[in-house]
Amino acid sequence: MSEQTVDIAQSPPPMTIRACGRSFMALVLAPQAPIAEWLSALDHQVARSSAFLSGKPIILDLGLLDAHSEGLAGLQAALRDRHIIPVSIEGGDRAWPALRDWDFPPVLTGGRAHDIAPPDAAEAEGAAGEFTLTAGRTLFVETPVRSGQIVTWLEGDIVVAGGVAPGAELIASGSIHVYGPLRGRAIAGVGGNGAARIFARRMFAELLAIDGFYMTAEEIDQQSVGQPAQALLDSDHVLMHPLT
């Protein structure tokens, strides 16, 4: 076999490799015992809202289970049967016998507790007048939020002066206020703020979430659809009330 030598000095420069950053919101699934009942609830949730898991990286948090949780050994396979393949697994202990046959993806590091990378404040301030920050750390969005656009603000409330289109998404650690029609997703109270609320001048939301608890479009009272309304959390349930 002949050996080919490469003269680096005479070779053309190699193609430049680009390394770009991109952040996504990861949805954390934290199964609870009994696992069979939790899986049934997950199926019910997905059946009510196909957008519940759509397009989201999934992190599986085993912190609410223990080594003896019934059904733990088959949990990963059960999730795969539902086409749910976590990008990372947290909590638990790999030494648990029930996890012996699990395939563990790489552990993600550097994430914040709410698993969402916050936007850069300076960037938000300088976004051609579309975003304005107040001293109270409220993010004002002066233009309509378009389909596919995601506005993430983990320092307080988001106030949208216009509407939110279907397929758009608002994510806030505080409350969300929309002074036009809310047709996309609104996720408030990220990071453990159960007192957050979601207000809309005209409520058409695809998905509402507060502190990790969800209400899908199918669950919204039809009398509230298209009307001024607010969503709040009460006993781990998202409730809808009219705005008068």
Protein backbone atom coordinates (compact mmCIF):
# COMPACT_ATOMS: atom_id res chain seq x y z
CA MET A 1 0.00 0.00 0.00
CA SER A 2 1.47 3.34 -0.98
CA GLU A 3 1.46 6.22 1.44
CA GLN A 4 0.23 9.62 0.32
CA THR A 5 1.91 12.60 1.86
CA VAL A 6 0.28 16.01 2.04
CA ASP A 7 2.33 19.11 1.68
CA ILE A 8 0.41 21.53 3.90
CA ALA A 9 2.38 24.48 2.57
CA GLN A 10 1.24 23.72 -1.00
CA SER A 11 -2.33 22.64 -0.16
CA PRO A 12 -5.27 25.02 -0.53
CA PRO A 13 -6.61 26.33 2.75
CA PRO A 14 -9.24 24.04 4.27
CA MET A 15 -12.88 24.94 4.35
CA THR A 16 -13.75 27.15 7.27
CA ILE A 17 -15.81 25.38 9.90
CA ARG A 18 -18.51 27.54 11.39
CA ALA A 19 -19.63 27.04 14.98
CA CYS A 20 -22.89 28.83 15.66
CA GLY A 21 -24.90 29.12 18.83
CA ARG A 22 -28.59 28.46 19.03
CA SER A 23 -30.80 28.13 22.09
CA PHE A 24 -34.05 26.28 22.54
CA MET A 25 -36.56 25.94 25.31
CA ALA A 26 -36.41 22.43 26.73
CA LEU A 27 -39.53 20.95 28.22
CA VAL A 28 -38.82 19.03 31.41
CA LEU A 29 -40.89 15.92 32.04
CA ALA A 30 -40.76 14.81 35.67
CA PRO A 31 -42.57 11.47 36.04
CA GLN A 32 -44.23 10.70 39.33
CA ALA A 33 -45.32 7.45 40.92
CA PRO A 34 -47.34 5.53 40.04
CA ILE A 35 -45.63 5.66 36.66
CA ALA A 36 -48.43 3.85 34.82
CA GLU A 37 -50.87 6.52 35.95
CA TRP A 38 -48.42 9.28 34.97
CA LEU A 39 -48.05 7.79 31.49
CA SER A 40 -51.82 7.66 31.16
CA ALA A 41 -52.01 11.34 32.11
CA LEU A 42 -49.29 12.13 29.57
CA ASP A 43 -51.26 10.35 26.85
CA HIS A 44 -54.33 12.29 27.83
CA GLN A 45 -52.44 15.57 27.68
CA VAL A 46 -50.96 14.84 24.26
CA ALA A 47 -54.34 13.72 22.93
CA ARG A 48 -55.85 17.04 23.98
CA SER A 49 -53.03 19.09 22.52
CA SER A 50 -50.73 17.79 19.82
CA ALA A 51 -48.64 20.94 20.34
CA PHE A 52 -47.83 19.98 23.91
CA LEU A 53 -44.52 18.33 23.02
CA SER A 54 -44.23 19.46 19.44
CA GLY A 55 -40.82 20.78 18.49
CA LYS A 56 -39.47 20.84 22.02
CA PRO A 57 -36.29 19.16 23.26
CA ILE A 58 -37.30 16.96 26.19
CA ILE A 59 -35.33 16.60 29.41
CA LEU A 60 -36.39 13.70 31.62
CA ASP A 61 -36.11 14.48 35.33
CA LEU A 62 -36.21 11.41 37.58
CA GLY A 63 -35.96 13.44 40.75
CA LEU A 64 -39.51 12.62 41.86
CA LEU A 65 -38.92 8.85 41.65
CA ASP A 66 -36.80 6.47 43.68
CA ALA A 67 -35.01 3.18 43.09
CA HIS A 68 -38.12 1.18 43.90
CA SER A 69 -40.67 3.07 41.83
CA GLU A 70 -42.83 0.48 40.11
CA GLY A 71 -42.47 0.57 36.33
CA LEU A 72 -39.23 2.55 36.34
CA ALA A 73 -37.32 -0.10 34.38
CA GLY A 74 -39.75 0.17 31.47
CA LEU A 75 -40.22 3.93 31.55
CA GLN A 76 -37.66 4.75 28.88
CA ALA A 77 -39.14 2.18 26.49
CA ALA A 78 -42.62 3.46 27.23
CA LEU A 79 -41.53 6.96 26.28
CA ARG A 80 -39.91 5.70 23.09
CA ASP A 81 -43.16 3.99 22.18
CA ARG A 82 -44.65 7.48 22.36
CA HIS A 83 -41.84 8.86 20.18
CA ILE A 84 -40.40 10.75 23.13
CA ILE A 85 -36.61 10.52 23.22
CA PRO A 86 -35.12 12.82 25.87
CA VAL A 87 -32.03 14.79 24.96
CA SER A 88 -30.88 14.48 28.57
CA ILE A 89 -31.79 12.64 31.76
CA GLU A 90 -31.46 14.26 35.15
CA GLY A 91 -32.11 13.19 38.71
CA GLY A 92 -32.23 9.63 39.95
CA ASP A 93 -29.14 7.49 40.27
CA ARG A 94 -27.63 5.44 37.48
CA ALA A 95 -26.74 2.81 40.10
CA TRP A 96 -30.42 1.98 40.55
CA PRO A 97 -30.98 -1.59 39.30
CA ALA A 98 -34.08 -0.45 37.38
CA LEU A 99 -31.89 1.81 35.24
CA ARG A 100 -29.37 -0.89 34.39
CA ASP A 101 -30.56 -1.31 30.80
CA TRP A 102 -31.26 2.36 30.09
CA ASP A 103 -29.43 4.24 27.39
CA PHE A 104 -28.32 7.52 28.87
CA PRO A 105 -27.80 10.46 26.52
CA PRO A 106 -25.05 12.95 27.33
CA VAL A 107 -25.72 15.04 30.39
CA LEU A 108 -26.42 18.66 29.50
CA THR A 109 -24.60 21.19 31.62
CA GLY A 110 -24.76 24.91 32.03
CA GLY A 111 -28.55 25.20 31.99
CA ARG A 112 -30.46 27.40 34.38
CA ALA A 113 -33.15 26.07 36.67
CA HIS A 114 -35.86 26.98 34.19
CA ASP A 115 -33.92 25.41 31.34
CA ILE A 116 -34.27 28.43 29.10
CA ALA A 117 -31.48 30.75 28.06
CA PRO A 118 -32.60 34.32 28.70
CA PRO A 119 -32.28 36.90 25.95
CA ASP A 120 -29.54 39.44 26.16
CA ALA A 121 -30.92 42.61 27.69
CA ALA A 122 -28.78 44.87 25.53
CA GLU A 123 -29.98 43.08 22.44
CA ALA A 124 -33.59 43.48 23.48
CA GLU A 125 -33.07 47.16 24.18
CA GLY A 126 -31.56 47.75 20.80
CA ALA A 127 -33.96 45.80 18.64
CA ALA A 128 -35.06 48.70 16.45
CA GLY A 129 -37.68 49.87 18.88
CA GLU A 130 -39.55 46.58 18.91
CA PHE A 131 -38.59 45.84 22.51
CA THR A 132 -38.35 48.22 25.42
CA LEU A 133 -37.21 47.47 28.95
CA THR A 134 -38.46 49.37 31.96
CA ALA A 135 -36.68 49.87 35.24
CA GLY A 136 -38.99 47.26 36.74
CA ARG A 137 -37.63 44.70 34.26
CA THR A 138 -40.81 44.48 32.25
CA LEU A 139 -40.29 43.75 28.57
CA PHE A 140 -42.55 45.81 26.31
CA VAL A 141 -43.07 44.42 22.82
CA GLU A 142 -44.25 47.26 20.63
CA THR A 143 -45.01 45.26 17.48
CA PRO A 144 -47.22 42.22 16.81
CA VAL A 145 -45.53 38.90 17.50
CA ARG A 146 -45.39 36.96 14.27
CA SER A 147 -45.98 33.26 13.70
CA GLY A 148 -42.82 31.31 14.53
CA GLN A 149 -41.38 34.12 16.61
CA ILE A 150 -40.45 33.33 20.22
CA VAL A 151 -40.12 36.07 22.80
CA THR A 152 -38.39 34.91 25.97
CA TRP A 153 -38.01 37.14 28.99
CA LEU A 154 -36.91 35.65 32.30
CA GLU A 155 -36.52 38.84 34.27
CA GLY A 156 -40.19 39.72 34.77
CA ASP A 157 -43.37 40.42 32.80
CA ILE A 158 -43.92 40.64 29.07
CA VAL A 159 -46.34 43.25 27.73
CA VAL A 160 -47.35 43.00 24.08
CA ALA A 161 -49.00 46.10 22.68
CA GLY A 162 -50.36 44.23 19.66
CA GLY A 163 -51.43 40.70 18.91
CA VAL A 164 -49.73 37.32 19.04
CA ALA A 165 -50.11 35.19 15.92
CA PRO A 166 -50.75 31.44 15.82
CA GLY A 167 -47.47 29.57 16.19
CA ALA A 168 -45.82 32.42 18.10
CA GLU A 169 -44.69 31.91 21.67
CA LEU A 170 -44.23 34.13 24.71
CA ILE A 171 -42.16 32.86 27.64
CA ALA A 172 -41.86 34.90 30.82
CA SER A 173 -40.80 34.38 34.40
CA GLY A 174 -43.53 36.82 35.39
CA SER A 175 -46.96 37.54 33.97
CA ILE A 176 -47.90 38.05 30.32
CA HIS A 177 -50.15 40.86 29.10
CA VAL A 178 -51.41 40.94 25.52
CA TYR A 179 -53.39 43.99 24.43
CA GLY A 180 -54.51 42.37 21.19
CA PRO A 181 -55.63 38.88 20.24
CA LEU A 182 -53.56 36.10 21.80
CA ARG A 183 -53.56 33.26 19.27
CA GLY A 184 -50.21 31.58 20.01
CA ARG A 185 -48.73 30.08 23.13
CA ALA A 186 -48.17 31.93 26.39
CA ILE A 187 -45.97 30.41 29.08
CA ALA A 188 -45.80 32.45 32.28
CA GLY A 189 -44.26 31.91 35.68
CA VAL A 190 -41.28 30.04 34.29
CA GLY A 191 -38.89 29.14 37.09
CA GLY A 192 -41.50 28.63 39.80
CA ASN A 193 -43.74 31.69 39.89
CA GLY A 194 -47.19 30.28 40.52
CA ALA A 195 -48.61 33.76 41.12
CA ALA A 196 -48.04 34.78 37.50
CA ARG A 197 -51.04 35.39 35.28
CA ILE A 198 -51.80 35.65 31.58
CA PHE A 199 -54.03 38.46 30.35
CA ALA A 200 -55.39 38.90 26.84
CA ARG A 201 -57.72 41.43 25.29
CA ARG A 202 -59.03 38.66 23.04
CA MET A 203 -58.28 35.11 24.12
CA PHE A 204 -57.65 32.56 21.33
CA ALA A 205 -54.56 30.91 22.87
CA GLU A 206 -53.24 27.63 21.52
CA LEU A 207 -51.63 26.86 24.85
CA LEU A 208 -51.44 28.55 28.24
CA ALA A 209 -48.99 27.52 30.95
CA ILE A 210 -48.23 28.89 34.40
CA ASP A 211 -45.41 27.47 36.51
CA GLY A 212 -45.41 24.29 34.43
CA PHE A 213 -49.16 23.63 34.54
CA TYR A 214 -50.92 23.73 31.19
CA MET A 215 -54.26 24.55 29.66
CA THR A 216 -54.74 23.65 26.02
CA ALA A 217 -57.02 25.37 23.55
CA GLU A 218 -59.53 22.56 23.90
CA GLU A 219 -59.78 23.19 27.64
CA ILE A 220 -60.57 26.88 27.37
CA ASP A 221 -64.17 27.66 28.18
CA GLN A 222 -65.86 28.51 24.89
CA GLN A 223 -67.49 31.50 26.53
CA SER A 224 -63.99 32.95 27.06
CA VAL A 225 -62.78 32.39 23.49
CA GLY A 226 -62.37 35.71 21.75
CA GLN A 227 -63.22 37.59 24.93
CA PRO A 228 -61.10 39.59 27.41
CA ALA A 229 -59.83 36.98 29.84
CA GLN A 230 -57.11 36.09 32.29
CA ALA A 231 -55.57 32.76 33.22
CA LEU A 232 -54.31 32.03 36.70
CA LEU A 233 -53.13 29.07 38.71
CA ASP A 234 -55.28 27.59 41.47
CA SER A 235 -54.41 24.30 43.20
CA ASP A 236 -52.18 23.19 40.33
CA HIS A 237 -54.88 23.88 37.75
CA VAL A 238 -54.91 26.69 35.22
CA LEU A 239 -58.23 28.48 35.40
CA MET A 240 -59.77 31.02 33.04
CA HIS A 241 -61.68 34.04 34.27
CA PRO A 242 -63.31 36.82 32.26
CA LEU A 243 -61.93 40.34 32.44
CA THR A 244 -64.62 42.83 33.25
